[in-house]
Amino acid sequence: QVQLVESGGGLVQPGGSLRLSCAASGRTFNNYDMGWFRQAPGKEREFVAAISWRNFYADSVKGRFTISRDNAKNTVYLQMNSLKPEDTAVYYCAQYSQLFTTGGDYDVRMSRVGSWGQGTQVTVSS
C-alpha cells in the first residue's frame, strides 16, 4: 500500500501563491497517474487536477494552478497562483487506480482513486 504525504499548505492572502507537495512511498510511483482533490467545509470532495499522458484541470482552477511531478523524487506538486478565498479547503493528494477520459476530457465519474493522502489545509484570507 502506497503512502502519500502532503505538505506546503498554510494561510495566504488573496492573490498569493502556494506550492503543495505530495511525497509517495513505493518504487512504482512513475507507473501511476496522480492527482489533487479538495474539500471545503460543508462541501463534497472535488477534483482539482490530474497528471497523466497530459494534465487535466477543473474549470475553476484552469490558468491559475499547475500540476507537475518529479519521478526521481516520487513527488507530485500543485503550484497554486492567484489564489482566491473560494480556494480555501483541505487539499488531498491522490494516486489513481484508473484514470478515464471521455472526449479527451477527464471523466470524474469513471476515474477511480486507489490511495489518498491525509490532506493539507489551505486558507486564503486577508
Foldseek 3Di string as FASTA:
>chain_A
DKAKAKDWADEAAAQAKIKMKIAIDDDCLVVWKKAKWWDDPPGDIGGAWIADVHIAGDPVQPPFWDWDDDSVRNMIMIIGGRDDQVVWTWMKMFTWPAWDDDPNHTDPVPTGTDDIYPTDTHGYHD
